[in-house]
Protein backbone atom coordinates (compact mmCIF):
# COMPACT_ATOMS: atom_id res chain seq x y z
CA MET A 1 -69.09 36.78 1.68
CA ASN A 2 -71.99 38.30 3.61
CA ARG A 3 -70.65 38.36 7.20
CA SER A 4 -74.16 39.02 8.54
CA ILE A 5 -75.02 35.34 7.90
CA PRO A 6 -73.33 33.47 10.75
CA PRO A 7 -72.45 29.79 11.00
CA ARG A 8 -74.68 29.77 14.12
CA GLU A 9 -73.21 26.70 15.71
CA SER A 10 -73.95 26.25 19.41
CA PHE A 11 -71.04 26.58 21.82
CA LYS A 12 -70.18 27.73 25.32
CA LEU A 13 -67.48 30.16 26.38
CA THR A 14 -65.86 29.74 29.80
CA THR A 15 -63.47 31.97 31.69
CA GLY A 16 -62.28 32.20 35.30
CA SER A 17 -62.24 34.98 37.88
CA ARG A 18 -59.75 37.75 38.47
CA LEU A 19 -57.92 38.47 41.71
CA HIS A 20 -56.58 42.03 41.93
CA PHE A 21 -53.63 42.51 44.29
CA GLY A 22 -53.52 46.30 43.92
CA LEU A 23 -52.81 49.25 41.62
CA PHE A 24 -49.38 50.76 41.09
CA ARG A 25 -50.77 54.30 41.00
CA PHE A 26 -53.96 56.31 40.45
CA ALA A 27 -54.68 58.75 37.64
CA PRO A 28 -53.48 62.31 38.34
CA LYS A 29 -56.00 64.93 39.42
CA PRO A 30 -55.37 67.76 36.98
CA ILE A 31 -56.80 71.21 37.43
CA MET A 32 -58.75 72.15 34.32
CA ALA A 33 -59.88 75.75 34.00
CA GLY A 34 -59.67 76.12 37.78
CA HIS A 35 -61.92 73.12 38.51
CA ALA A 36 -61.22 69.58 39.66
CA ALA A 37 -61.45 66.68 37.23
CA THR A 38 -64.99 65.56 36.46
CA ASP A 39 -66.48 62.09 36.50
CA ARG A 40 -66.11 62.00 32.73
CA SER A 41 -62.36 62.61 33.00
CA LEU A 42 -62.12 59.58 35.28
CA GLU A 43 -64.24 57.47 32.97
CA HIS A 44 -62.31 58.54 29.87
CA PRO A 45 -58.83 59.68 30.91
CA ARG A 46 -57.77 59.81 27.25
CA ASP A 47 -59.87 62.98 26.95
CA LEU A 48 -57.78 64.98 29.43
CA GLN A 49 -55.66 67.70 27.90
CA GLY A 50 -52.33 68.98 29.12
CA VAL A 51 -51.54 65.87 31.16
CA SER A 52 -48.07 64.34 31.01
CA ASP A 53 -47.79 61.19 28.92
CA GLN A 54 -44.52 60.16 30.53
CA ALA A 55 -45.70 57.96 33.40
CA PRO A 56 -48.51 55.43 32.87
CA TRP A 57 -51.56 55.51 35.14
CA PHE A 58 -53.05 52.64 37.13
CA GLY A 59 -51.20 49.39 36.30
CA GLY A 60 -50.81 46.70 38.90
CA LEU A 61 -50.68 43.00 39.62
CA GLY A 62 -53.36 40.31 39.55
CA LEU A 63 -54.10 36.65 38.94
CA MET A 64 -56.66 34.71 36.95
CA ILE A 65 -58.11 31.75 38.85
CA GLN A 66 -60.07 28.80 37.51
CA ASP A 67 -63.05 29.10 39.86
CA PRO A 68 -65.52 30.60 40.36
CA ALA A 69 -66.04 30.44 36.61
CA THR A 70 -68.18 32.37 34.17
CA SER A 71 -69.71 30.14 31.51
CA ILE A 72 -72.14 31.29 28.83
CA ALA A 73 -73.80 29.23 26.10
CA PHE A 74 -74.74 30.63 22.67
CA ALA A 75 -77.28 28.88 20.46
CA PRO A 76 -79.48 29.70 17.44
CA GLU A 77 -82.87 31.24 18.15
CA THR A 78 -85.51 33.18 16.22
CA LYS A 79 -84.95 36.31 18.33
CA PHE A 80 -82.71 37.52 21.14
CA VAL A 81 -83.31 35.47 24.28
CA ILE A 82 -81.47 35.62 27.62
CA GLN A 83 -81.73 32.71 30.03
CA ASP A 84 -80.72 32.35 33.69
CA ASP A 85 -79.02 35.72 34.02
CA ALA A 86 -79.15 36.35 37.76
CA THR A 87 -76.88 39.38 37.31
CA GLY A 88 -79.30 41.22 35.00
CA ARG A 89 -76.27 42.58 33.12
CA VAL A 90 -76.13 40.48 29.95
CA ILE A 91 -78.51 42.81 28.12
CA GLU A 92 -76.32 45.82 29.03
CA PHE A 93 -73.20 44.22 27.57
CA ALA A 94 -75.06 42.85 24.54
CA GLU A 95 -76.37 46.32 23.73
CA ARG A 96 -72.88 47.81 23.98
CA TRP A 97 -71.56 45.07 21.73
CA PHE A 98 -74.35 45.58 19.19
CA ARG A 99 -73.73 49.34 18.95
CA SER A 100 -70.03 48.70 18.39
CA ALA A 101 -70.66 45.99 15.80
CA GLN A 102 -73.07 48.20 13.88
CA SER A 103 -70.58 51.07 13.82
CA THR A 104 -67.91 48.91 12.15
CA GLN A 105 -68.50 48.33 8.46
CA ALA A 106 -66.66 44.99 8.43
CA THR A 107 -68.93 43.53 11.11
CA LYS A 108 -72.22 45.30 10.47
CA LEU A 109 -75.26 43.08 10.87
CA VAL A 110 -77.34 43.77 7.78
CA ASP A 111 -81.12 44.18 8.26
CA ILE A 112 -80.86 43.84 12.07
CA ARG A 113 -81.92 47.07 13.74
CA SER A 114 -81.70 46.26 17.44
CA VAL A 115 -80.45 43.74 19.96
CA ALA A 116 -83.96 42.31 20.20
CA GLU A 117 -83.67 41.07 16.60
CA LEU A 118 -80.43 39.13 17.11
CA PRO A 119 -81.24 35.45 16.39
CA VAL A 120 -79.37 33.99 19.36
CA ARG A 121 -80.10 32.53 22.79
CA VAL A 122 -77.59 33.53 25.47
CA SER A 123 -77.71 31.25 28.52
CA VAL A 124 -75.70 32.02 31.64
CA GLN A 125 -74.61 28.65 33.01
CA LEU A 126 -72.17 29.91 35.65
CA SER A 127 -71.51 33.39 37.02
CA PRO A 128 -69.82 34.50 40.27
CA PRO A 129 -71.41 37.13 42.51
CA GLN A 130 -71.02 40.64 41.16
CA HIS A 131 -68.98 43.28 43.04
CA SER A 132 -67.21 40.76 45.25
CA GLY A 133 -63.63 41.53 44.23
CA LEU A 134 -63.47 38.78 41.60
CA GLY A 135 -63.79 40.92 38.48
CA ALA A 136 -67.05 39.15 37.65
CA GLY A 137 -68.50 42.08 35.71
CA THR A 138 -65.50 42.32 33.41
CA GLN A 139 -65.40 38.57 32.75
CA LEU A 140 -69.14 38.53 32.04
CA ALA A 141 -68.84 41.48 29.67
CA LEU A 142 -65.88 40.02 27.79
CA ALA A 143 -67.53 36.60 27.59
CA VAL A 144 -70.74 38.10 26.17
CA GLY A 145 -68.86 40.26 23.68
CA GLN A 146 -66.47 37.59 22.48
CA GLY A 147 -69.22 34.99 22.35
CA LEU A 148 -71.48 37.16 20.20
CA THR A 149 -68.56 38.01 17.92
CA LYS A 150 -67.73 34.34 17.47
CA PHE A 151 -71.37 33.39 16.95
CA PHE A 152 -72.22 36.04 14.36
CA PHE A 153 -68.89 36.61 12.58
CA ASP A 154 -66.90 33.44 13.28
CA MET A 155 -64.01 35.59 14.51
CA GLU A 156 -62.55 36.69 17.83
CA LEU A 157 -61.62 40.24 18.82
CA ALA A 158 -58.22 41.26 20.18
CA PRO A 159 -58.00 42.54 23.80
CA GLN A 160 -58.15 46.28 23.15
CA GLU A 161 -60.97 46.01 20.61
CA LEU A 162 -63.06 43.68 22.77
CA ALA A 163 -62.61 45.90 25.84
CA GLN A 164 -63.74 48.92 23.80
CA TRP A 165 -66.76 47.11 22.37
CA VAL A 166 -68.14 46.20 25.82
CA GLY A 167 -66.83 49.18 27.80
CA ARG A 168 -64.23 47.59 30.08
CA GLY A 169 -60.60 48.33 31.01
CA LEU A 170 -61.13 52.00 31.83
CA ARG A 171 -58.71 51.69 34.74
CA SER A 172 -57.20 48.25 35.35
CA ALA A 173 -56.42 46.04 32.36
CA ILE A 174 -55.70 42.92 34.45
CA GLY A 175 -59.11 41.34 33.88
CA THR A 176 -58.99 41.96 30.12
CA HIS A 177 -55.47 40.64 29.62
CA GLY A 178 -56.22 37.79 32.02
CA PHE A 179 -59.24 36.79 29.93
CA PHE A 180 -56.91 36.31 26.96
CA ARG A 181 -53.81 34.97 28.72
CA GLY A 182 -54.59 33.48 32.13
CA GLY A 183 -51.94 33.32 34.84
CA LEU A 184 -50.27 36.07 36.86
CA ILE A 185 -50.79 39.38 35.05
CA VAL A 186 -48.50 42.41 35.29
CA ASP A 187 -50.29 45.51 33.95
CA ARG A 188 -47.83 48.29 33.12
CA GLY A 189 -50.61 50.87 33.12
CA LYS A 190 -51.98 53.21 30.47
CA LEU A 191 -50.89 56.53 29.09
CA HIS A 192 -53.68 59.09 28.87
CA SER A 193 -53.78 58.59 25.10
CA GLN A 194 -54.35 54.83 25.43
CA GLU A 195 -57.63 52.94 25.66
CA LEU A 196 -56.27 49.92 27.54
CA GLY A 197 -53.34 49.34 29.87
CA THR A 198 -50.25 47.68 28.42
CA LEU A 199 -49.53 44.06 29.26
CA ASP A 200 -46.09 43.76 30.85
CA GLY A 201 -46.34 39.98 31.05
CA ALA A 202 -48.46 36.92 31.84
CA PHE A 203 -46.81 34.19 33.89
CA GLN A 204 -47.96 30.72 34.90
CA LEU A 205 -47.70 29.79 38.58
CA PRO A 206 -46.32 26.36 39.57
CA ASP A 207 -48.85 23.59 38.99
CA ALA A 208 -49.08 22.56 42.65
CA TRP A 209 -49.95 26.00 44.02
CA ARG A 210 -53.53 26.58 45.11
CA VAL A 211 -55.63 29.55 46.18
CA VAL A 212 -58.09 29.43 49.08
CA LEU A 213 -60.87 32.01 48.74
CA ILE A 214 -62.83 33.36 51.69
CA THR A 215 -65.81 35.45 50.73
CA ARG A 216 -69.28 36.41 51.86
CA ASN A 217 -72.52 37.33 50.17
CA ASP A 218 -72.15 41.01 50.96
CA PRO A 219 -71.06 42.87 47.82
CA SER A 220 -68.80 45.89 48.00
CA VAL A 221 -70.51 49.25 47.64
CA PHE A 222 -67.61 50.57 45.59
CA HIS A 223 -68.67 50.13 42.00
CA GLY A 224 -70.13 52.36 39.33
CA SER A 225 -70.58 55.97 40.48
CA ARG A 226 -69.49 55.13 44.05
CA GLU A 227 -66.17 53.83 42.73
CA LEU A 228 -65.66 56.93 40.59
CA GLN A 229 -66.34 59.11 43.62
CA ALA A 230 -63.86 57.10 45.69
CA PHE A 231 -61.08 57.55 43.16
CA ARG A 232 -61.84 61.26 43.00
CA ASP A 233 -61.62 61.56 46.80
CA LEU A 234 -58.56 59.40 47.38
CA PRO A 235 -55.16 61.06 47.58
CA GLU A 236 -52.67 60.05 44.91
CA ILE A 237 -50.47 57.07 45.69
CA PRO A 238 -47.06 58.34 46.89
CA SER A 239 -44.28 57.74 44.39
CA SER A 240 -42.38 55.81 47.07
CA SER A 241 -45.31 53.37 47.36
CA THR A 242 -45.49 52.99 43.59
CA GLN A 243 -41.79 52.22 43.44
CA LYS A 244 -42.04 49.70 46.26
CA LEU A 245 -45.01 47.93 44.62
CA GLN A 246 -43.25 47.72 41.28
CA GLN A 247 -40.06 46.51 42.96
CA LEU A 248 -41.93 43.78 44.82
CA ALA A 249 -43.67 42.65 41.63
CA ARG A 250 -40.59 42.56 39.41
CA GLU A 251 -37.76 41.78 41.83
CA VAL A 252 -39.40 39.46 44.36
CA ILE A 253 -42.78 38.06 43.26
CA LEU A 254 -41.91 37.11 39.69
CA PRO A 255 -38.50 35.61 40.58
CA ALA A 256 -40.22 33.58 43.33
CA VAL A 257 -42.68 32.21 40.75
CA TRP A 258 -39.86 31.25 38.39
CA ALA A 259 -37.94 29.60 41.25
CA ASN A 260 -41.03 27.79 42.62
CA ASP A 261 -40.31 29.51 45.95
CA HIS A 262 -43.75 29.59 47.54
CA ASP A 263 -42.57 31.03 50.86
CA ALA A 264 -40.94 34.07 49.24
CA PHE A 265 -43.91 34.53 46.94
CA ALA A 266 -46.45 34.36 49.77
CA GLN A 267 -44.67 36.87 51.99
CA ALA A 268 -44.17 39.30 49.10
CA ILE A 269 -47.81 39.01 48.02
CA TYR A 270 -48.91 39.88 51.55
CA GLU A 271 -46.57 42.87 51.67
CA TYR A 272 -47.75 44.01 48.23
CA GLY A 273 -51.39 43.82 49.29
CA TRP A 274 -50.72 45.65 52.54
CA ILE A 275 -49.04 48.58 50.78
CA ALA A 276 -51.64 48.71 48.00
CA GLY A 277 -54.52 48.42 50.48
CA ASN A 278 -53.22 51.25 52.62
CA CYS A 279 -53.55 53.53 49.59
CA PHE A 280 -57.33 53.07 50.06
CA ALA A 281 -57.26 53.60 53.84
CA GLN A 282 -59.08 56.94 53.61
CA ILE A 283 -62.07 55.10 52.12
CA GLN A 284 -62.03 51.68 53.81
CA GLY A 285 -60.35 52.55 57.13
CA GLY A 286 -57.13 50.60 56.59
CA PRO A 287 -55.57 48.07 54.21
CA PHE A 288 -58.69 45.86 54.42
CA ALA A 289 -62.38 46.61 53.98
CA SER A 290 -63.64 45.37 57.36
CA SER A 291 -62.61 44.26 60.83
CA ARG A 292 -63.68 40.74 59.88
CA ALA A 293 -61.23 40.78 56.97
CA GLU A 294 -58.48 41.97 59.31
CA TRP A 295 -59.28 39.08 61.65
CA TRP A 296 -59.06 36.53 58.84
CA VAL A 297 -55.70 37.91 57.71
CA ALA A 298 -54.22 37.71 61.20
CA HIS A 299 -55.76 34.28 61.85
CA LEU A 300 -54.48 32.64 58.68
CA ARG A 301 -51.02 34.11 59.07
CA LYS A 302 -50.89 32.60 62.57
CA LEU A 303 -51.78 29.24 61.00
CA GLY A 304 -48.64 29.53 58.88
CA PHE A 305 -50.10 30.90 55.62
CA PRO A 306 -48.61 34.36 55.05
CA GLY A 307 -49.77 34.84 51.45
CA ILE A 308 -53.13 36.41 52.19
CA GLY A 309 -54.76 39.62 51.01
CA GLN A 310 -57.92 41.33 49.83
CA SER A 311 -58.87 41.26 46.15
CA SER A 312 -59.77 44.71 44.85
CA TRP A 313 -62.43 46.34 47.09
CA GLY A 314 -63.30 42.96 48.63
CA PRO A 315 -65.02 41.34 50.34
CA THR A 316 -63.18 38.34 48.85
CA LEU A 317 -59.90 37.39 50.51
CA TYR A 318 -57.35 35.09 48.87
CA CYS A 319 -54.72 32.92 50.55
CA PHE A 320 -52.02 30.94 48.74
CA ALA A 321 -51.09 27.37 49.63
CA PRO A 322 -48.05 25.48 48.29
CA ASP A 323 -49.91 22.30 47.34
CA PRO A 324 -53.39 20.68 47.27
CA ASP A 325 -52.99 18.94 50.65
CA ARG A 326 -52.09 22.15 52.48
CA ALA A 327 -54.92 23.96 50.69
CA SER A 328 -57.43 21.33 51.80
CA TRP A 329 -56.14 21.47 55.38
CA LEU A 330 -56.45 25.26 55.40
CA ALA A 331 -59.95 25.19 53.88
CA ALA A 332 -61.07 22.84 56.65
CA ARG A 333 -59.71 25.18 59.34
CA VAL A 334 -61.41 28.15 57.64
CA SER A 335 -64.69 26.23 57.45
CA ASP A 336 -64.51 25.64 61.21
CA SER A 337 -64.24 29.41 61.78
CA LEU A 338 -67.05 30.59 59.50
CA GLN A 339 -69.47 32.64 61.60
CA HIS A 340 -72.26 33.53 59.21
CA PRO A 341 -74.18 31.63 56.51
CA SER A 342 -73.06 34.23 53.97
CA GLU A 343 -69.38 33.36 54.53
CA SER A 344 -67.89 30.60 52.39
CA VAL A 345 -64.58 29.02 51.48
CA LEU A 346 -63.40 27.63 48.14
CA VAL A 347 -60.18 26.00 46.97
CA THR A 348 -59.23 26.89 43.42
CA ARG A 349 -56.15 26.99 41.23
CA PRO A 350 -54.60 29.53 38.87
CA GLN A 351 -56.17 29.61 35.43
CA VAL A 352 -53.82 28.22 32.79
CA GLY A 353 -54.24 29.89 29.43
CA PRO A 354 -57.09 31.94 27.95
CA TYR A 355 -60.86 31.55 27.93
CA GLN A 356 -62.18 28.36 26.34
CA ILE A 357 -64.76 27.83 23.63
CA ASP A 358 -66.32 24.36 23.51
CA PRO A 359 -69.03 23.01 21.19
CA LEU A 360 -72.40 22.03 22.63
């Protein structure tokens, strides 16, 4: 069978967003030939030599949520066409995917020499704001890569292979594993010889629980080279903090999920985020990225919703509610307190299961 001749049936691929509650630890800062680690060592920690492979790096806790969603349609075309890509990043991920596909004999596209010759139209139907703490770049990259693989080869890549093909998962693996599993993701971390962090588990939250998102149209500056610089400048997470974060995740948060104990879960999630956020205090001035975020945290906790925190670098904040009615009540109170047109509130729910592929 010539795998370069695809079935070329139109479909759309949809995935949710990723909340990141915080890393367990950072990568070590080894001294190599008398010099500090370079950007490349941070981008590709597997290349470091003489580093212990006993304790995994990064790791952490996060959650896939249903909205805001990323949805991309794939349809036959005479050449490569991108539609409605406000992010401007689809071409970047498609080019990475194409180079990877062409380097693998089993998936090589015969007689196609560049991305421009791919006979497919890629239409971005939904995409959250980039660099807002929702893992939108990773979900977009994985959706593009898996969609193109399905379209051209009628197959789907496994997590590690897909992450490699589109260049994701260099630090946290929560977004990658969440793309495939949904739910609450525990990332064990990665040894320096590994490409992608190991999945410790994916767990579904109780059906009634909801997440209230507070965000603003003011993307974080910490991405790309700025993020690499931040990780180079930050001190390593103390081992006591790592132990406390792991203890909270495995001994409090997960048991609270299994017991449908929202109160215990919410308080532990707040404590987890506070400890994890303080590990970035040198960069962002405290556990949260702005004074406005600090105000929201204090305000919502006073309203009786303790399960609030900042996702990744922000600016998105999340707050857990035990049921739809309480979530709607809270969203209304938040809406009353919005002070700028760029601020917004959204009620969503945990994503159940993996990404979806639906025919068009």
